Protein backbone atom coordinates (compact mmCIF):
# COMPACT_ATOMS: atom_id res chain seq x y z
CA ASP A 1 105.32 -80.71 -47.67
CA ALA A 2 105.83 -84.10 -46.01
CA LEU A 3 103.14 -85.71 -48.07
CA LYS A 4 104.48 -84.60 -51.42
CA ILE A 5 107.48 -86.93 -51.54
CA ASN A 6 108.59 -89.31 -54.19
CA ILE A 7 107.71 -92.74 -52.97
CA GLU A 8 107.88 -96.14 -54.78
CA GLU A 9 105.45 -98.94 -55.37
CA ILE A 10 106.31 -102.11 -53.52
CA PHE A 11 106.53 -105.43 -55.37
CA MET A 12 107.47 -108.34 -53.24
CA LYS A 13 109.63 -110.54 -55.38
CA ASN A 14 112.29 -111.93 -53.07
CA ILE A 15 112.51 -112.43 -49.16
CA LEU A 16 115.66 -113.19 -47.36
CA LEU A 17 115.38 -115.01 -44.04
CA ALA A 18 118.44 -114.87 -41.92
CA THR A 19 118.17 -117.72 -39.43
CA ASP A 20 120.56 -118.52 -36.39
CA PHE A 21 118.86 -121.70 -34.97
CA THR A 22 117.85 -119.99 -31.69
CA PRO A 23 114.87 -121.38 -29.88
CA ASN A 24 112.34 -119.01 -31.59
CA SER A 25 113.99 -119.17 -35.06
CA ASP A 26 111.09 -121.44 -36.27
CA ARG A 27 108.74 -118.50 -35.80
CA ALA A 28 110.65 -116.48 -38.28
CA ILE A 29 110.75 -119.45 -40.75
CA ALA A 30 107.01 -119.78 -40.49
CA ARG A 31 106.31 -116.14 -40.99
CA ALA A 32 108.77 -115.85 -43.95
CA LEU A 33 107.18 -118.88 -45.76
CA ARG A 34 103.72 -117.41 -45.24
CA LEU A 35 104.66 -114.08 -46.62
CA ALA A 36 106.38 -115.69 -49.59
CA ARG A 37 103.38 -117.90 -50.30
CA GLU A 38 100.89 -115.02 -50.00
CA THR A 39 102.91 -112.58 -52.20
CA GLY A 40 104.37 -115.15 -54.68
CA ALA A 41 107.91 -114.12 -53.68
CA SER A 42 110.93 -116.52 -53.65
CA LEU A 43 112.37 -117.30 -50.27
CA TYR A 44 116.12 -117.38 -49.68
CA VAL A 45 117.22 -118.84 -46.36
CA LEU A 46 120.65 -118.02 -45.13
CA HIS A 47 122.60 -119.19 -42.04
CA VAL A 48 126.12 -117.81 -41.35
CA THR A 49 128.50 -119.86 -39.31
CA PRO A 50 131.99 -118.91 -37.87
CA PRO A 51 134.96 -119.89 -40.07
CA TYR A 52 136.59 -123.22 -39.43
CA PRO A 53 140.29 -123.98 -40.28
CA LEU A 54 139.75 -127.57 -41.41
CA LYS A 55 138.32 -127.97 -44.96
CA LYS A 56 136.69 -131.27 -44.23
CA LEU A 57 134.92 -129.90 -41.19
CA LYS A 58 133.69 -126.90 -43.19
CA GLN A 59 132.08 -129.13 -45.75
CA SER A 60 130.49 -131.63 -43.46
CA LEU A 61 129.07 -128.91 -41.26
CA ARG A 62 127.69 -126.98 -44.14
CA GLU A 63 125.87 -130.06 -45.45
CA GLU A 64 124.60 -130.95 -41.98
CA LEU A 65 123.07 -127.47 -41.45
CA GLN A 66 121.58 -127.31 -44.95
CA THR A 67 119.85 -130.59 -44.19
CA LEU A 68 118.61 -129.23 -40.88
CA ILE A 69 117.26 -125.96 -42.51
CA HIS A 70 115.49 -127.94 -45.26
CA LYS A 71 113.83 -130.02 -42.51
CA GLN A 72 112.67 -126.94 -40.69
CA VAL A 73 111.34 -125.37 -43.74
CA GLU A 74 109.39 -128.65 -44.73
CA ALA A 75 107.98 -128.84 -41.29
CA GLN A 76 106.50 -125.21 -41.68
CA ARG A 77 105.47 -125.55 -45.28
CA PHE A 78 101.72 -125.95 -46.14
CA GLY A 79 99.45 -124.93 -48.98
CA LYS A 80 100.84 -123.25 -52.02
CA GLU A 81 104.46 -124.31 -52.83
CA VAL A 82 107.19 -121.70 -52.25
CA LYS A 83 110.38 -121.46 -54.26
CA THR A 84 112.99 -121.95 -51.54
CA TYR A 85 116.80 -121.72 -51.72
CA VAL A 86 118.99 -122.45 -48.73
CA ASN A 87 122.58 -121.32 -48.36
CA VAL A 88 124.99 -121.90 -45.43
CA VAL A 89 128.16 -119.90 -45.53
CA GLN A 90 131.09 -119.42 -43.12
CA ALA A 91 132.13 -115.86 -42.41
CA ALA A 92 133.63 -113.80 -39.59
CA ASP A 93 131.23 -111.02 -40.00
CA ILE A 94 127.60 -112.25 -39.89
CA PHE A 95 126.08 -108.73 -40.37
CA ASN A 96 128.06 -108.17 -43.48
CA GLU A 97 127.25 -111.52 -45.07
CA ILE A 98 123.58 -110.93 -44.58
CA LEU A 99 123.81 -107.53 -46.28
CA LEU A 100 125.79 -109.12 -49.17
CA HIS A 101 123.10 -111.86 -49.64
CA ALA A 102 120.34 -109.23 -49.42
CA HIS A 103 122.01 -107.41 -52.38
CA SER A 104 122.87 -110.53 -54.44
CA THR A 105 119.38 -112.02 -54.06
CA LYS A 106 117.68 -108.59 -54.69
CA ALA A 107 115.69 -109.16 -51.54
CA ASP A 108 112.77 -106.74 -50.95
CA LEU A 109 112.56 -107.71 -47.30
CA ILE A 110 114.96 -109.24 -44.61
CA VAL A 111 113.18 -111.44 -42.02
CA MET A 112 114.92 -112.15 -38.74
CA GLY A 113 113.81 -113.78 -35.51
CA MET A 114 113.53 -112.03 -32.19
CA HIS A 115 116.05 -112.92 -29.32
CA SER A 116 114.55 -113.58 -26.06
CA LYS A 117 116.98 -111.18 -24.44
CA THR A 118 116.62 -108.34 -26.87
CA LYS A 119 114.66 -106.26 -24.33
CA LEU A 120 117.98 -105.67 -22.51
CA GLN A 121 119.43 -102.64 -23.96
CA ASP A 122 123.10 -103.48 -23.57
CA PHE A 123 122.45 -106.79 -25.33
CA PHE A 124 120.49 -105.34 -28.33
CA VAL A 125 122.90 -102.49 -29.28
CA GLY A 126 125.71 -103.87 -31.53
CA THR A 127 123.95 -107.25 -32.24
CA THR A 128 123.69 -108.54 -35.79
CA MET A 129 119.97 -107.70 -35.74
CA GLU A 130 120.56 -104.06 -34.66
CA ARG A 131 123.36 -103.65 -37.24
CA VAL A 132 121.20 -104.97 -40.17
CA ILE A 133 118.28 -102.68 -39.14
CA ARG A 134 120.38 -99.54 -38.82
CA SER A 135 122.10 -100.11 -42.09
CA GLY A 136 118.95 -98.99 -43.71
CA ILE A 137 119.64 -100.82 -46.95
CA LYS A 138 116.53 -103.10 -46.79
CA PRO A 139 113.38 -103.07 -44.74
CA VAL A 140 113.62 -105.68 -41.83
CA LEU A 141 110.82 -107.70 -40.30
CA VAL A 142 111.49 -108.73 -36.83
CA VAL A 143 109.34 -111.73 -35.89
CA LYS A 144 108.54 -112.17 -32.18
CA ASN A 145 105.29 -114.07 -32.10
CA PRO A 146 104.19 -117.60 -33.50
CA THR A 147 102.53 -117.41 -36.94
CA THR A 148 98.92 -118.32 -36.51
CA GLY A 149 97.64 -116.69 -39.76
CA GLY A 150 98.09 -113.56 -41.75
CA TYR A 151 98.27 -110.22 -39.98
CA GLN A 152 94.79 -108.98 -39.09
CA LYS A 153 95.63 -105.81 -37.16
CA VAL A 154 98.56 -103.46 -37.86
CA VAL A 155 99.62 -100.41 -35.97
CA SER A 156 101.63 -97.98 -38.00
CA GLY A 157 103.68 -95.21 -36.43
CA ILE A 158 103.73 -92.39 -38.81
CA ASP A 159 105.91 -89.27 -38.54
CA TYR A 160 105.70 -88.55 -42.26
CA SER A 161 109.34 -89.37 -42.78
CA PRO A 162 110.24 -91.62 -45.81
CA GLY A 163 111.05 -94.52 -43.48
CA SER A 164 107.75 -94.60 -41.66
CA HIS A 165 105.85 -94.16 -44.99
CA ALA A 166 107.95 -97.07 -46.45
CA ALA A 167 107.13 -99.37 -43.59
CA PHE A 168 103.39 -98.52 -43.86
CA ARG A 169 103.30 -99.16 -47.70
CA MET A 170 105.19 -102.45 -47.32
CA ALA A 171 102.99 -103.56 -44.51
CA LYS A 172 99.95 -102.79 -46.59
CA ASP A 173 101.53 -104.81 -49.44
CA ILE A 174 102.00 -107.96 -47.26
CA ALA A 175 98.78 -107.66 -45.31
CA PRO A 176 96.19 -106.13 -47.74
CA ARG A 177 93.10 -107.31 -45.80
CA ALA A 178 94.35 -106.12 -42.40
CA ASP A 179 92.89 -103.24 -40.56
CA PHE A 180 95.52 -100.40 -40.18
CA TYR A 181 95.54 -98.07 -37.23
CA THR A 182 97.82 -95.27 -38.14
CA ILE A 183 99.18 -93.21 -35.24
CA HIS A 184 100.95 -89.93 -35.24
CA ALA A 185 102.44 -89.24 -31.89
CA TYR A 186 103.86 -85.77 -31.24
CA GLU A 187 104.83 -83.56 -28.24
CA ILE A 188 103.34 -80.17 -27.55
CA PRO A 189 106.06 -77.51 -27.06
CA HIS A 190 106.28 -76.54 -23.28
CA TYR A 191 107.39 -72.98 -23.63
CA ALA A 192 104.97 -70.60 -21.97
CA GLU A 193 103.39 -73.49 -20.06
CA ARG A 194 100.04 -72.78 -18.41
CA THR A 195 99.64 -69.56 -20.11
CA TYR A 196 97.58 -68.06 -22.98
CA LYS A 197 100.40 -68.48 -25.36
CA TYR A 198 100.81 -72.15 -24.51
CA ALA A 199 97.15 -72.76 -25.14
CA VAL A 200 97.17 -70.97 -28.57
CA SER A 201 100.44 -72.92 -29.40
CA LYS A 202 98.90 -76.29 -28.40
CA ALA A 203 95.78 -75.54 -30.61
CA LEU A 204 97.89 -74.64 -33.60
CA VAL A 205 100.15 -77.65 -33.30
CA GLU A 206 97.09 -79.91 -32.99
CA GLU A 207 95.42 -78.38 -35.92
CA ARG A 208 98.49 -78.73 -38.06
CA HIS A 209 98.93 -82.40 -37.10
CA GLN A 210 95.32 -83.10 -37.87
CA LYS A 211 95.57 -81.64 -41.32
CA ASP A 212 98.68 -83.67 -42.00
CA MET A 213 96.94 -86.85 -40.76
CA ASP A 214 93.77 -86.14 -42.84
CA LYS A 215 95.93 -85.68 -45.95
CA PHE A 216 97.94 -88.86 -45.35
CA LEU A 217 94.68 -90.95 -44.96
CA LYS A 218 93.02 -89.52 -47.95
CA ASN A 219 96.12 -90.03 -50.07
CA GLU A 220 96.79 -93.68 -48.88
CA THR A 221 93.09 -94.71 -49.08
CA SER A 222 92.99 -93.33 -52.66
CA TYR A 223 96.29 -95.10 -53.60
CA PHE A 224 95.39 -98.43 -52.31
CA LYS A 225 91.91 -98.39 -53.71
CA LYS A 226 93.44 -97.81 -57.12
CA ASN A 227 96.34 -100.28 -56.76
CA GLN A 228 95.20 -103.15 -54.51
CA GLU A 229 92.33 -105.17 -55.86
CA ASN A 230 92.26 -107.56 -52.85
CA GLY A 231 92.73 -104.95 -50.19
CA ASP A 232 89.55 -104.58 -48.11
CA GLY A 233 90.96 -103.66 -44.68
CA LYS A 234 90.29 -100.19 -43.17
CA ILE A 235 92.74 -97.47 -42.58
CA VAL A 236 92.08 -95.30 -39.71
CA GLY A 237 94.22 -92.43 -38.17
CA GLN A 238 94.79 -91.28 -34.53
CA LEU A 239 96.74 -88.31 -33.09
CA ALA A 240 98.27 -88.73 -29.64
CA ALA A 241 100.31 -86.33 -27.65
CA GLY A 242 103.13 -88.00 -25.85
CA LYS A 243 106.19 -90.21 -26.24
CA PRO A 244 105.81 -92.13 -29.48
CA CYS A 245 107.30 -95.41 -28.31
CA LYS A 246 105.05 -95.72 -25.21
CA ILE A 247 101.90 -94.72 -27.43
CA LEU A 248 102.65 -97.17 -30.07
CA ALA A 249 103.44 -100.10 -27.72
CA LYS A 250 100.30 -99.43 -25.76
CA LYS A 251 98.14 -99.38 -28.84
CA ALA A 252 99.64 -102.51 -30.30
CA LYS A 253 99.12 -104.36 -27.04
CA GLY A 254 95.62 -102.96 -26.53
CA LEU A 255 94.53 -104.09 -30.01
CA LYS A 256 96.52 -107.39 -29.84
CA ALA A 257 98.01 -106.29 -33.12
CA GLY A 258 100.14 -108.83 -34.97
CA LEU A 259 102.38 -106.13 -36.54
CA LEU A 260 103.78 -102.69 -35.67
CA THR A 261 105.55 -100.54 -38.40
CA ILE A 262 107.96 -97.76 -37.78
CA GLY A 263 110.62 -95.87 -39.56
CA ALA A 264 114.28 -96.35 -38.64
CA HIS A 265 115.06 -92.81 -38.77
CA GLY A 266 112.33 -90.21 -37.82
CA GLU A 267 112.29 -86.58 -38.81
CA THR A 268 112.56 -85.64 -34.99
CA GLY A 269 113.84 -87.34 -31.95
CA PHE A 270 117.25 -88.43 -30.54
CA ILE A 271 119.53 -90.91 -32.17
CA LEU A 272 121.50 -92.98 -29.68
CA PRO A 273 125.25 -92.47 -30.20
CA GLY A 274 126.86 -95.25 -32.19
CA THR A 275 123.60 -96.76 -33.41
CA LYS A 276 122.23 -94.43 -35.97
CA LEU A 277 118.79 -95.66 -35.05
CA GLY A 278 115.99 -93.14 -34.12
CA GLY A 279 115.11 -93.19 -30.47
CA THR A 280 111.57 -94.44 -31.19
CA ALA A 281 112.75 -97.35 -33.22
CA LEU A 282 115.41 -98.30 -30.81
CA GLU A 283 113.10 -98.20 -27.71
CA ILE A 284 110.35 -100.27 -29.46
CA LEU A 285 112.97 -102.86 -30.48
CA PHE A 286 114.34 -103.08 -26.94
CA ASP A 287 110.95 -104.70 -25.98
CA PRO A 288 108.64 -105.10 -28.92
CA PRO A 289 104.96 -105.76 -28.27
CA CYS A 290 104.55 -107.94 -31.49
CA ASP A 291 106.31 -108.39 -34.76
CA VAL A 292 107.87 -105.11 -35.91
CA LEU A 293 108.59 -103.98 -39.41
CA VAL A 294 111.32 -101.31 -39.77
CA ALA A 295 112.15 -99.41 -42.86
CA ASN A 296 114.51 -96.54 -43.67
CA ASN A 297 113.70 -95.01 -47.03
CA TRP A 298 112.65 -95.88 -50.53
CA LYS A 299 115.90 -96.62 -52.33
CA ASP A 300 116.06 -99.83 -54.33
CA MET A 301 112.42 -99.59 -55.39
CA SER A 302 110.86 -98.24 -58.60
CA GLN A 303 109.63 -94.64 -58.33
CA ILE A 304 106.09 -93.40 -58.55
CA LEU A 305 104.90 -89.91 -57.72
CA VAL A 306 102.00 -89.34 -55.23
């Protein structure tokens, strides 16, 4: 049973922001600071530069970049103080350095900014962002839009895999007052099309998916009612027949949602060779409608049984 899985309670203690000084990197800084302030987490800011041969250049560049990051953080800081730690390192493999820091800081979430060219498929596949996301070690929040406040509307793509469930739980943790629009997109089998067998099959598939959605909504509503004192946002569910990426993107745009959550690896669907990302996650990230939270599974978190 997809709903009888061991899942873990999320406690946001540490956030790792990987910044690259691209034009929209300030958006990721603002969002990471806001999340850290709202959850009480510590914020670790990391920038990785290429290795330089001259020792003096290494030190001067590191100090200059650290100063620049501190200025960016201070420009975005407001309200409650956030424990912030800035680190600039030089390494040939940016992807590996981010993962090492995520491990050493015990980060519960990695935050990264969206490149303006990410919607080009050939540009996205193989980038640092794509490699961090498909590693599946930590949930990743990809920030696209400016931060104007907390997330008010969240669209969650649910296929009942551990990844999609993890993304949903984390989003509810960081946006407890948001309204959640949970969508399960599925495809009706096309054997025996336009026949009595197809009609029966369609009805059975829809009935099964509706039962799964009802159970999911009941389970999650009960869980957050017991464990989230300040959570007053609604959780509603919707079934939709069709291609998940198109349905989720359309729903997010229609609602003007601030956040879309998905699992990195779904139970079904193709995985693009060489990426290990599920087809839905990959297509969403080619051209995201808003900020996107991607998770793989529940490892690294304390276990509870639902």
